[in-house]
């Protein structure tokens, strides 16, 4: 029979091992409201606006998976097999799938963040530090599924890198006839609202969000809301949570510059093609 001190030691070792092996998988749905003033021609008909809205809705409403443990996480879009549709806005779709989407790796211990992108067939690995947020916990609670969640607010100080910000940055360059250093120079401060649960004791969350004493299940940044729909704790199949290794290491600022240049080239080529078709 084990003596009491030895039993306590074994219990502590078991707790430590379980803590190290703690893993989970959370599924999120991201929805973004679209201002059609930023897209299409100013004289679009109501039917054209309706079709454009549906097309953009499919582009901006996606499902993501967050694989996490107590130290790190990997956030990426859920892979889906879809039938090819040649009429689904290939110009915008190509840019969205290349410049916007990426695998986000966050390490709470080292404060490191890596984002793997594929831009027009070329792989990049954006190296950065975790964005810092000054969270204010309000104490307000609500239920999300079977999890009791607590509300927290903060001011988001970075600009999301997507087609809208690329368009604004490109327009800014054209107006001023000079290149902006970074999309980060554009006005970006936004009040955000998060709901986290201490029932999942990790400092992780979807996208670039982290830093609360529990997993973030819902977050709203104004036009975008990300909501968790399913959580699997300690799945039977062990998860691989590691930093992406594929692609050229590059800074966020340098990557933005490349993406803006490619966007401008794409627009110029499209205009030349339209012009050529019009002269036939």
C-alpha atoms as a PDB file:
ATOM      1  CA  UNK A   1       0.000   0.000   0.000  1.00  0.00           C
ATOM      2  CA  UNK A   2       1.333   3.447  -0.965  1.00  0.00           C
ATOM      3  CA  UNK A   3       2.090   5.832   1.883  1.00  0.00           C
ATOM      4  CA  UNK A   4       0.385   9.220   1.934  1.00  0.00           C
ATOM      5  CA  UNK A   5       3.370  11.428   0.883  1.00  0.00           C
ATOM      6  CA  UNK A   6       4.097   9.192  -2.111  1.00  0.00           C
ATOM      7  CA  UNK A   7       0.425   9.209  -3.080  1.00  0.00           C
ATOM      8  CA  UNK A   8       0.389  13.006  -3.041  1.00  0.00           C
ATOM      9  CA  UNK A   9       3.508  13.154  -5.243  1.00  0.00           C
ATOM     10  CA  UNK A  10       1.986  10.734  -7.769  1.00  0.00           C
ATOM     11  CA  UNK A  11      -1.231  12.748  -7.792  1.00  0.00           C
ATOM     12  CA  UNK A  12       0.657  15.979  -8.504  1.00  0.00           C
ATOM     13  CA  UNK A  13       2.619  14.302 -11.309  1.00  0.00           C
ATOM     14  CA  UNK A  14      -0.628  13.002 -12.841  1.00  0.00           C
ATOM     15  CA  UNK A  15      -2.221  16.455 -12.672  1.00  0.00           C
ATOM     16  CA  UNK A  16       0.859  17.982 -14.305  1.00  0.00           C
ATOM     17  CA  UNK A  17       0.879  15.432 -17.117  1.00  0.00           C
ATOM     18  CA  UNK A  18      -2.838  15.945 -17.748  1.00  0.00           C
ATOM     19  CA  UNK A  19      -2.329  19.717 -17.848  1.00  0.00           C
ATOM     20  CA  UNK A  20       0.472  19.346 -20.407  1.00  0.00           C
ATOM     21  CA  UNK A  21      -1.615  17.002 -22.549  1.00  0.00           C
ATOM     22  CA  UNK A  22      -4.757  19.165 -22.426  1.00  0.00           C
ATOM     23  CA  UNK A  23      -5.959  19.869 -25.954  1.00  0.00           C
ATOM     24  CA  UNK A  24      -9.083  20.983 -27.709  1.00  0.00           C
ATOM     25  CA  UNK A  25     -10.712  21.772 -31.019  1.00  0.00           C
ATOM     26  CA  UNK A  26     -13.196  24.647 -31.429  1.00  0.00           C
ATOM     27  CA  UNK A  27     -15.283  25.386 -34.532  1.00  0.00           C
ATOM     28  CA  UNK A  28     -16.140  29.010 -35.364  1.00  0.00           C
ATOM     29  CA  UNK A  29     -18.364  30.716 -37.926  1.00  0.00           C
ATOM     30  CA  UNK A  30     -17.243  34.153 -39.122  1.00  0.00           C
ATOM     31  CA  UNK A  31     -19.780  36.549 -40.637  1.00  0.00           C
ATOM     32  CA  UNK A  32     -18.999  39.996 -42.033  1.00  0.00           C
ATOM     33  CA  UNK A  33     -21.538  42.622 -43.087  1.00  0.00           C
ATOM     34  CA  UNK A  34     -20.671  44.155 -46.443  1.00  0.00           C
ATOM     35  CA  UNK A  35     -21.019  47.777 -47.530  1.00  0.00           C
ATOM     36  CA  UNK A  36     -21.720  47.578 -51.253  1.00  0.00           C
ATOM     37  CA  UNK A  37     -20.497  51.159 -51.675  1.00  0.00           C
ATOM     38  CA  UNK A  38     -16.975  49.687 -51.596  1.00  0.00           C
ATOM     39  CA  UNK A  39     -17.679  47.296 -54.467  1.00  0.00           C
ATOM     40  CA  UNK A  40     -18.894  47.403 -58.036  1.00  0.00           C
ATOM     41  CA  UNK A  41     -19.960  50.359 -60.135  1.00  0.00           C
ATOM     42  CA  UNK A  42     -21.885  53.334 -58.699  1.00  0.00           C
ATOM     43  CA  UNK A  43     -24.690  52.861 -61.250  1.00  0.00           C
ATOM     44  CA  UNK A  44     -25.366  49.187 -60.489  1.00  0.00           C
ATOM     45  CA  UNK A  45     -29.000  48.082 -60.747  1.00  0.00           C
ATOM     46  CA  UNK A  46     -30.826  46.615 -57.751  1.00  0.00           C
ATOM     47  CA  UNK A  47     -30.612  43.148 -59.325  1.00  0.00           C
ATOM     48  CA  UNK A  48     -26.864  43.512 -59.835  1.00  0.00           C
ATOM     49  CA  UNK A  49     -26.444  44.699 -56.238  1.00  0.00           C
ATOM     50  CA  UNK A  50     -28.415  41.683 -55.038  1.00  0.00           C
ATOM     51  CA  UNK A  51     -26.202  39.266 -56.964  1.00  0.00           C
ATOM     52  CA  UNK A  52     -23.058  41.044 -55.779  1.00  0.00           C
ATOM     53  CA  UNK A  53     -24.270  40.904 -52.169  1.00  0.00           C
ATOM     54  CA  UNK A  54     -24.881  37.140 -52.370  1.00  0.00           C
ATOM     55  CA  UNK A  55     -21.478  36.598 -53.948  1.00  0.00           C
ATOM     56  CA  UNK A  56     -19.685  38.604 -51.268  1.00  0.00           C
ATOM     57  CA  UNK A  57     -21.728  36.878 -48.569  1.00  0.00           C
ATOM     58  CA  UNK A  58     -20.364  33.511 -49.673  1.00  0.00           C
ATOM     59  CA  UNK A  59     -16.838  34.921 -49.690  1.00  0.00           C
ATOM     60  CA  UNK A  60     -17.015  36.519 -46.244  1.00  0.00           C
ATOM     61  CA  UNK A  61     -18.977  33.855 -44.311  1.00  0.00           C
ATOM     62  CA  UNK A  62     -16.661  31.008 -43.467  1.00  0.00           C
ATOM     63  CA  UNK A  63     -16.053  28.267 -40.921  1.00  0.00           C
ATOM     64  CA  UNK A  64     -12.756  28.049 -39.041  1.00  0.00           C
ATOM     65  CA  UNK A  65     -11.172  25.529 -36.691  1.00  0.00           C
ATOM     66  CA  UNK A  66      -9.012  26.418 -33.681  1.00  0.00           C
ATOM     67  CA  UNK A  67      -6.759  23.634 -32.395  1.00  0.00           C
ATOM     68  CA  UNK A  68      -5.391  24.617 -29.003  1.00  0.00           C
ATOM     69  CA  UNK A  69      -3.519  23.579 -25.875  1.00  0.00           C
ATOM     70  CA  UNK A  70      -2.405  25.617 -22.872  1.00  0.00           C
ATOM     71  CA  UNK A  71       0.524  27.228 -24.706  1.00  0.00           C
ATOM     72  CA  UNK A  72      -0.295  27.480 -28.412  1.00  0.00           C
ATOM     73  CA  UNK A  73      -3.020  27.333 -31.045  1.00  0.00           C
ATOM     74  CA  UNK A  74      -3.505  26.981 -34.793  1.00  0.00           C
ATOM     75  CA  UNK A  75      -6.457  28.745 -36.455  1.00  0.00           C
ATOM     76  CA  UNK A  76      -7.375  27.923 -40.045  1.00  0.00           C
ATOM     77  CA  UNK A  77     -10.333  27.759 -42.393  1.00  0.00           C
ATOM     78  CA  UNK A  78     -12.200  24.463 -42.492  1.00  0.00           C
ATOM     79  CA  UNK A  79     -11.447  22.639 -45.717  1.00  0.00           C
ATOM     80  CA  UNK A  80     -14.457  22.052 -47.940  1.00  0.00           C
ATOM     81  CA  UNK A  81     -14.916  20.405 -51.315  1.00  0.00           C
ATOM     82  CA  UNK A  82     -16.971  22.658 -53.569  1.00  0.00           C
ATOM     83  CA  UNK A  83     -17.959  22.370 -57.198  1.00  0.00           C
ATOM     84  CA  UNK A  84     -16.131  24.926 -59.366  1.00  0.00           C
ATOM     85  CA  UNK A  85     -18.271  27.889 -60.380  1.00  0.00           C
ATOM     86  CA  UNK A  86     -16.838  30.049 -63.180  1.00  0.00           C
ATOM     87  CA  UNK A  87     -19.379  32.818 -62.424  1.00  0.00           C
ATOM     88  CA  UNK A  88     -18.432  33.319 -58.785  1.00  0.00           C
ATOM     89  CA  UNK A  89     -16.262  36.411 -59.035  1.00  0.00           C
ATOM     90  CA  UNK A  90     -12.938  34.824 -59.884  1.00  0.00           C
ATOM     91  CA  UNK A  91     -11.007  38.099 -59.616  1.00  0.00           C
ATOM     92  CA  UNK A  92     -12.162  38.769 -56.059  1.00  0.00           C
ATOM     93  CA  UNK A  93     -12.140  35.106 -55.075  1.00  0.00           C
ATOM     94  CA  UNK A  94      -8.515  34.671 -56.135  1.00  0.00           C
ATOM     95  CA  UNK A  95      -7.402  37.599 -54.030  1.00  0.00           C
ATOM     96  CA  UNK A  96      -9.508  36.598 -51.043  1.00  0.00           C
ATOM     97  CA  UNK A  97      -8.246  33.027 -51.034  1.00  0.00           C
ATOM     98  CA  UNK A  98      -4.663  34.198 -51.445  1.00  0.00           C
ATOM     99  CA  UNK A  99      -4.184  37.486 -49.621  1.00  0.00           C
ATOM    100  CA  UNK A 100      -6.752  37.180 -46.863  1.00  0.00           C
ATOM    101  CA  UNK A 101      -6.892  33.603 -45.684  1.00  0.00           C
ATOM    102  CA  UNK A 102      -4.031  32.071 -43.766  1.00  0.00           C
ATOM    103  CA  UNK A 103      -3.070  29.717 -40.959  1.00  0.00           C
ATOM    104  CA  UNK A 104      -2.578  31.709 -37.749  1.00  0.00           C
ATOM    105  CA  UNK A 105      -0.253  30.247 -35.114  1.00  0.00           C
ATOM    106  CA  UNK A 106      -0.243  31.894 -31.680  1.00  0.00           C
ATOM    107  CA  UNK A 107       2.144  30.955 -28.852  1.00  0.00           C
ATOM    108  CA  UNK A 108       1.152  32.410 -25.482  1.00  0.00           C
ATOM    109  CA  UNK A 109       4.435  31.430 -23.821  1.00  0.00           C
ATOM    110  CA  UNK A 110       6.792  33.035 -26.353  1.00  0.00           C
ATOM    111  CA  UNK A 111       4.329  35.785 -27.469  1.00  0.00           C
ATOM    112  CA  UNK A 112       5.014  34.739 -31.055  1.00  0.00           C
ATOM    113  CA  UNK A 113       2.531  34.843 -33.935  1.00  0.00           C
ATOM    114  CA  UNK A 114       3.107  33.350 -37.378  1.00  0.00           C
ATOM    115  CA  UNK A 115       0.665  33.599 -40.268  1.00  0.00           C
ATOM    116  CA  UNK A 116       1.082  31.329 -43.286  1.00  0.00           C
ATOM    117  CA  UNK A 117      -0.292  32.842 -46.511  1.00  0.00           C
ATOM    118  CA  UNK A 118      -0.361  31.735 -50.122  1.00  0.00           C
ATOM    119  CA  UNK A 119      -0.493  34.709 -52.466  1.00  0.00           C
ATOM    120  CA  UNK A 120      -1.026  33.881 -56.143  1.00  0.00           C
ATOM    121  CA  UNK A 121       0.725  30.519 -55.802  1.00  0.00           C
ATOM    122  CA  UNK A 122       3.652  31.720 -53.665  1.00  0.00           C
ATOM    123  CA  UNK A 123       3.948  30.783 -49.971  1.00  0.00           C
ATOM    124  CA  UNK A 124       4.780  33.387 -47.308  1.00  0.00           C
ATOM    125  CA  UNK A 125       5.256  33.144 -43.555  1.00  0.00           C
ATOM    126  CA  UNK A 126       4.504  36.436 -41.815  1.00  0.00           C
ATOM    127  CA  UNK A 127       6.490  36.675 -38.571  1.00  0.00           C
ATOM    128  CA  UNK A 128       5.059  38.916 -35.853  1.00  0.00           C
ATOM    129  CA  UNK A 129       4.424  39.235 -32.126  1.00  0.00           C
ATOM    130  CA  UNK A 130       1.039  38.670 -30.505  1.00  0.00           C
ATOM    131  CA  UNK A 131      -1.063  41.860 -30.632  1.00  0.00           C
ATOM    132  CA  UNK A 132      -1.631  43.193 -27.125  1.00  0.00           C
ATOM    133  CA  UNK A 133      -5.129  44.075 -25.939  1.00  0.00           C
ATOM    134  CA  UNK A 134      -6.053  45.816 -22.690  1.00  0.00           C
ATOM    135  CA  UNK A 135      -9.088  43.757 -21.727  1.00  0.00           C
ATOM    136  CA  UNK A 136     -11.736  45.101 -19.360  1.00  0.00           C
ATOM    137  CA  UNK A 137     -13.858  42.359 -17.789  1.00  0.00           C
ATOM    138  CA  UNK A 138     -17.387  43.664 -17.251  1.00  0.00           C
ATOM    139  CA  UNK A 139     -18.782  40.808 -15.136  1.00  0.00           C
ATOM    140  CA  UNK A 140     -21.812  40.468 -17.435  1.00  0.00           C
ATOM    141  CA  UNK A 141     -22.569  36.834 -18.254  1.00  0.00           C
ATOM    142  CA  UNK A 142     -24.508  34.820 -20.825  1.00  0.00           C
ATOM    143  CA  UNK A 143     -24.796  31.214 -21.935  1.00  0.00           C
ATOM    144  CA  UNK A 144     -23.271  30.054 -25.219  1.00  0.00           C
ATOM    145  CA  UNK A 145     -24.290  26.446 -25.697  1.00  0.00           C
ATOM    146  CA  UNK A 146     -23.508  24.689 -22.434  1.00  0.00           C
ATOM    147  CA  UNK A 147     -20.781  27.154 -21.464  1.00  0.00           C
ATOM    148  CA  UNK A 148     -21.233  30.090 -19.093  1.00  0.00           C
ATOM    149  CA  UNK A 149     -19.427  33.059 -20.620  1.00  0.00           C
ATOM    150  CA  UNK A 150     -18.211  36.386 -19.245  1.00  0.00           C
ATOM    151  CA  UNK A 151     -18.115  39.612 -21.258  1.00  0.00           C
ATOM    152  CA  UNK A 152     -14.908  41.571 -21.824  1.00  0.00           C
ATOM    153  CA  UNK A 153     -14.201  44.646 -23.950  1.00  0.00           C
ATOM    154  CA  UNK A 154     -11.091  46.192 -25.458  1.00  0.00           C
ATOM    155  CA  UNK A 155      -9.926  48.584 -28.153  1.00  0.00           C
ATOM    156  CA  UNK A 156      -8.590  46.788 -31.225  1.00  0.00           C
ATOM    157  CA  UNK A 157      -5.570  48.709 -32.482  1.00  0.00           C
ATOM    158  CA  UNK A 158      -4.705  46.852 -35.670  1.00  0.00           C
ATOM    159  CA  UNK A 159      -6.374  46.788 -39.061  1.00  0.00           C
ATOM    160  CA  UNK A 160      -7.633  43.487 -40.419  1.00  0.00           C
ATOM    161  CA  UNK A 161      -5.798  42.646 -43.606  1.00  0.00           C
ATOM    162  CA  UNK A 162      -8.410  41.880 -46.249  1.00  0.00           C
ATOM    163  CA  UNK A 163      -9.677  43.024 -49.619  1.00  0.00           C
ATOM    164  CA  UNK A 164     -11.302  46.144 -48.172  1.00  0.00           C
ATOM    165  CA  UNK A 165      -8.106  47.392 -46.533  1.00  0.00           C
ATOM    166  CA  UNK A 166      -6.101  46.590 -49.646  1.00  0.00           C
ATOM    167  CA  UNK A 167      -8.512  48.685 -51.722  1.00  0.00           C
ATOM    168  CA  UNK A 168      -8.310  51.601 -49.270  1.00  0.00           C
ATOM    169  CA  UNK A 169      -4.526  51.472 -49.120  1.00  0.00           C
ATOM    170  CA  UNK A 170      -4.253  51.338 -52.920  1.00  0.00           C
ATOM    171  CA  UNK A 171      -6.656  54.272 -53.283  1.00  0.00           C
ATOM    172  CA  UNK A 172      -4.644  56.238 -50.718  1.00  0.00           C
ATOM    173  CA  UNK A 173      -1.456  55.645 -52.696  1.00  0.00           C
ATOM    174  CA  UNK A 174      -3.114  56.841 -55.901  1.00  0.00           C
ATOM    175  CA  UNK A 175      -4.467  60.022 -54.298  1.00  0.00           C
ATOM    176  CA  UNK A 176      -1.196  61.002 -52.669  1.00  0.00           C
ATOM    177  CA  UNK A 177       1.009  59.660 -55.481  1.00  0.00           C
ATOM    178  CA  UNK A 178       3.247  57.990 -52.944  1.00  0.00           C
ATOM    179  CA  UNK A 179       3.351  54.645 -51.216  1.00  0.00           C
ATOM    180  CA  UNK A 180       2.086  54.241 -47.669  1.00  0.00           C
ATOM    181  CA  UNK A 181       4.518  52.520 -45.317  1.00  0.00           C
ATOM    182  CA  UNK A 182       1.835  50.140 -44.087  1.00  0.00           C
ATOM    183  CA  UNK A 183      -1.865  49.449 -43.944  1.00  0.00           C
ATOM    184  CA  UNK A 184      -1.373  49.929 -40.207  1.00  0.00           C
ATOM    185  CA  UNK A 185      -1.185  53.688 -40.895  1.00  0.00           C
ATOM    186  CA  UNK A 186      -4.859  53.739 -41.846  1.00  0.00           C
ATOM    187  CA  UNK A 187      -7.396  54.643 -39.103  1.00  0.00           C
ATOM    188  CA  UNK A 188      -8.252  51.383 -37.376  1.00  0.00           C
ATOM    189  CA  UNK A 189      -9.139  51.689 -33.649  1.00  0.00           C
ATOM    190  CA  UNK A 190     -12.321  49.764 -32.902  1.00  0.00           C
ATOM    191  CA  UNK A 191     -14.159  48.791 -29.757  1.00  0.00           C
ATOM    192  CA  UNK A 192     -14.509  45.026 -29.598  1.00  0.00           C
ATOM    193  CA  UNK A 193     -16.667  42.772 -27.455  1.00  0.00           C
ATOM    194  CA  UNK A 194     -15.642  39.263 -26.403  1.00  0.00           C
ATOM    195  CA  UNK A 195     -17.314  36.449 -24.470  1.00  0.00           C
ATOM    196  CA  UNK A 196     -15.031  33.862 -22.844  1.00  0.00           C
ATOM    197  CA  UNK A 197     -15.532  30.803 -20.646  1.00  0.00           C
ATOM    198  CA  UNK A 198     -13.341  29.730 -17.743  1.00  0.00           C
ATOM    199  CA  UNK A 199     -14.681  26.202 -18.241  1.00  0.00           C
ATOM    200  CA  UNK A 200     -12.006  25.927 -20.967  1.00  0.00           C
ATOM    201  CA  UNK A 201      -8.940  27.275 -19.080  1.00  0.00           C
ATOM    202  CA  UNK A 202      -6.757  28.487 -21.958  1.00  0.00           C
ATOM    203  CA  UNK A 203      -5.798  32.051 -22.963  1.00  0.00           C
ATOM    204  CA  UNK A 204      -6.744  31.434 -26.579  1.00  0.00           C
ATOM    205  CA  UNK A 205      -9.351  32.620 -29.054  1.00  0.00           C
ATOM    206  CA  UNK A 206     -10.199  32.812 -32.762  1.00  0.00           C
ATOM    207  CA  UNK A 207      -8.218  34.815 -35.297  1.00  0.00           C
ATOM    208  CA  UNK A 208      -5.574  37.003 -33.560  1.00  0.00           C
ATOM    209  CA  UNK A 209      -7.503  37.308 -30.276  1.00  0.00           C
ATOM    210  CA  UNK A 210      -6.182  35.966 -26.982  1.00  0.00           C
ATOM    211  CA  UNK A 211      -5.307  37.022 -23.423  1.00  0.00           C
ATOM    212  CA  UNK A 212      -8.470  36.301 -21.392  1.00  0.00           C
ATOM    213  CA  UNK A 213      -8.658  33.751 -18.532  1.00  0.00           C
ATOM    214  CA  UNK A 214     -10.614  31.306 -20.662  1.00  0.00           C
ATOM    215  CA  UNK A 215     -11.334  30.352 -24.275  1.00  0.00           C
ATOM    216  CA  UNK A 216     -13.032  33.122 -26.286  1.00  0.00           C
ATOM    217  CA  UNK A 217     -16.264  31.725 -27.743  1.00  0.00           C
ATOM    218  CA  UNK A 218     -17.628  34.867 -29.360  1.00  0.00           C
ATOM    219  CA  UNK A 219     -16.098  38.121 -30.514  1.00  0.00           C
ATOM    220  CA  UNK A 220     -17.544  41.097 -32.359  1.00  0.00           C
ATOM    221  CA  UNK A 221     -15.499  43.817 -34.036  1.00  0.00           C
ATOM    222  CA  UNK A 222     -18.408  45.800 -35.453  1.00  0.00           C
ATOM    223  CA  UNK A 223     -18.874  44.516 -38.982  1.00  0.00           C
ATOM    224  CA  UNK A 224     -17.517  41.027 -38.179  1.00  0.00           C
ATOM    225  CA  UNK A 225     -18.781  38.510 -35.622  1.00  0.00           C
ATOM    226  CA  UNK A 226     -17.013  35.215 -34.904  1.00  0.00           C
ATOM    227  CA  UNK A 227     -19.080  32.657 -32.955  1.00  0.00           C
ATOM    228  CA  UNK A 228     -18.085  29.226 -31.660  1.00  0.00           C
ATOM    229  CA  UNK A 229     -20.531  26.460 -32.606  1.00  0.00           C
ATOM    230  CA  UNK A 230     -18.771  23.345 -31.290  1.00  0.00           C
ATOM    231  CA  UNK A 231     -15.953  22.369 -28.887  1.00  0.00           C
ATOM    232  CA  UNK A 232     -14.197  19.025 -28.556  1.00  0.00           C
ATOM    233  CA  UNK A 233     -11.965  18.712 -25.458  1.00  0.00           C
ATOM    234  CA  UNK A 234      -9.121  16.168 -25.508  1.00  0.00           C
ATOM    235  CA  UNK A 235     -10.131  14.477 -28.784  1.00  0.00           C
ATOM    236  CA  UNK A 236      -9.220  10.816 -29.219  1.00  0.00           C
ATOM    237  CA  UNK A 237      -6.861  11.644 -32.065  1.00  0.00           C
ATOM    238  CA  UNK A 238      -3.963  13.732 -30.755  1.00  0.00           C
ATOM    239  CA  UNK A 239      -3.759  17.176 -32.361  1.00  0.00           C
ATOM    240  CA  UNK A 240      -0.615  18.579 -33.942  1.00  0.00           C
ATOM    241  CA  UNK A 241      -0.172  22.179 -32.830  1.00  0.00           C
ATOM    242  CA  UNK A 242       2.997  23.687 -34.249  1.00  0.00           C
ATOM    243  CA  UNK A 243       4.197  26.769 -36.085  1.00  0.00           C
ATOM    244  CA  UNK A 244       3.937  26.718 -39.897  1.00  0.00           C
ATOM    245  CA  UNK A 245       7.287  26.066 -41.546  1.00  0.00           C
ATOM    246  CA  UNK A 246       6.436  26.467 -45.232  1.00  0.00           C
ATOM    247  CA  UNK A 247       7.056  29.754 -47.009  1.00  0.00           C
ATOM    248  CA  UNK A 248       9.433  32.691 -47.065  1.00  0.00           C
ATOM    249  CA  UNK A 249       9.711  34.478 -43.704  1.00  0.00           C
ATOM    250  CA  UNK A 250       8.589  38.087 -44.102  1.00  0.00           C
ATOM    251  CA  UNK A 251       7.315  40.988 -42.002  1.00  0.00           C
ATOM    252  CA  UNK A 252       3.668  42.068 -42.026  1.00  0.00           C
ATOM    253  CA  UNK A 253       4.636  45.412 -43.550  1.00  0.00           C
ATOM    254  CA  UNK A 254       6.542  43.765 -46.410  1.00  0.00           C
ATOM    255  CA  UNK A 255       3.730  41.296 -47.069  1.00  0.00           C
ATOM    256  CA  UNK A 256       1.165  44.099 -47.247  1.00  0.00           C
ATOM    257  CA  UNK A 257       3.303  45.890 -49.820  1.00  0.00           C
ATOM    258  CA  UNK A 258       3.479  42.785 -52.016  1.00  0.00           C
ATOM    259  CA  UNK A 259      -0.281  42.159 -51.754  1.00  0.00           C
ATOM    260  CA  UNK A 260      -1.152  45.773 -52.639  1.00  0.00           C
ATOM    261  CA  UNK A 261       1.181  45.675 -55.657  1.00  0.00           C
ATOM    262  CA  UNK A 262      -0.382  42.404 -56.875  1.00  0.00           C
ATOM    263  CA  UNK A 263      -3.870  43.856 -56.408  1.00  0.00           C
ATOM    264  CA  UNK A 264      -2.976  46.944 -58.449  1.00  0.00           C
ATOM    265  CA  UNK A 265      -1.488  44.757 -61.197  1.00  0.00           C
ATOM    266  CA  UNK A 266      -4.631  42.631 -61.263  1.00  0.00           C
ATOM    267  CA  UNK A 267      -6.887  45.697 -61.570  1.00  0.00           C
ATOM    268  CA  UNK A 268      -4.725  47.176 -64.327  1.00  0.00           C
ATOM    269  CA  UNK A 269      -4.796  43.895 -66.291  1.00  0.00           C
ATOM    270  CA  UNK A 270      -8.569  43.638 -65.886  1.00  0.00           C
ATOM    271  CA  UNK A 271      -9.068  47.206 -67.138  1.00  0.00           C
ATOM    272  CA  UNK A 272      -6.840  46.548 -70.165  1.00  0.00           C
ATOM    273  CA  UNK A 273      -8.825  43.406 -70.957  1.00  0.00           C
ATOM    274  CA  UNK A 274     -12.123  45.287 -70.703  1.00  0.00           C
ATOM    275  CA  UNK A 275     -10.735  48.076 -72.846  1.00  0.00           C
ATOM    276  CA  UNK A 276      -9.578  45.600 -75.471  1.00  0.00           C
ATOM    277  CA  UNK A 277     -12.976  43.901 -75.522  1.00  0.00           C
ATOM    278  CA  UNK A 278     -14.693  47.263 -75.897  1.00  0.00           C
ATOM    279  CA  UNK A 279     -12.657  48.118 -79.033  1.00  0.00           C
ATOM    280  CA  UNK A 280     -13.583  44.917 -80.816  1.00  0.00           C
END
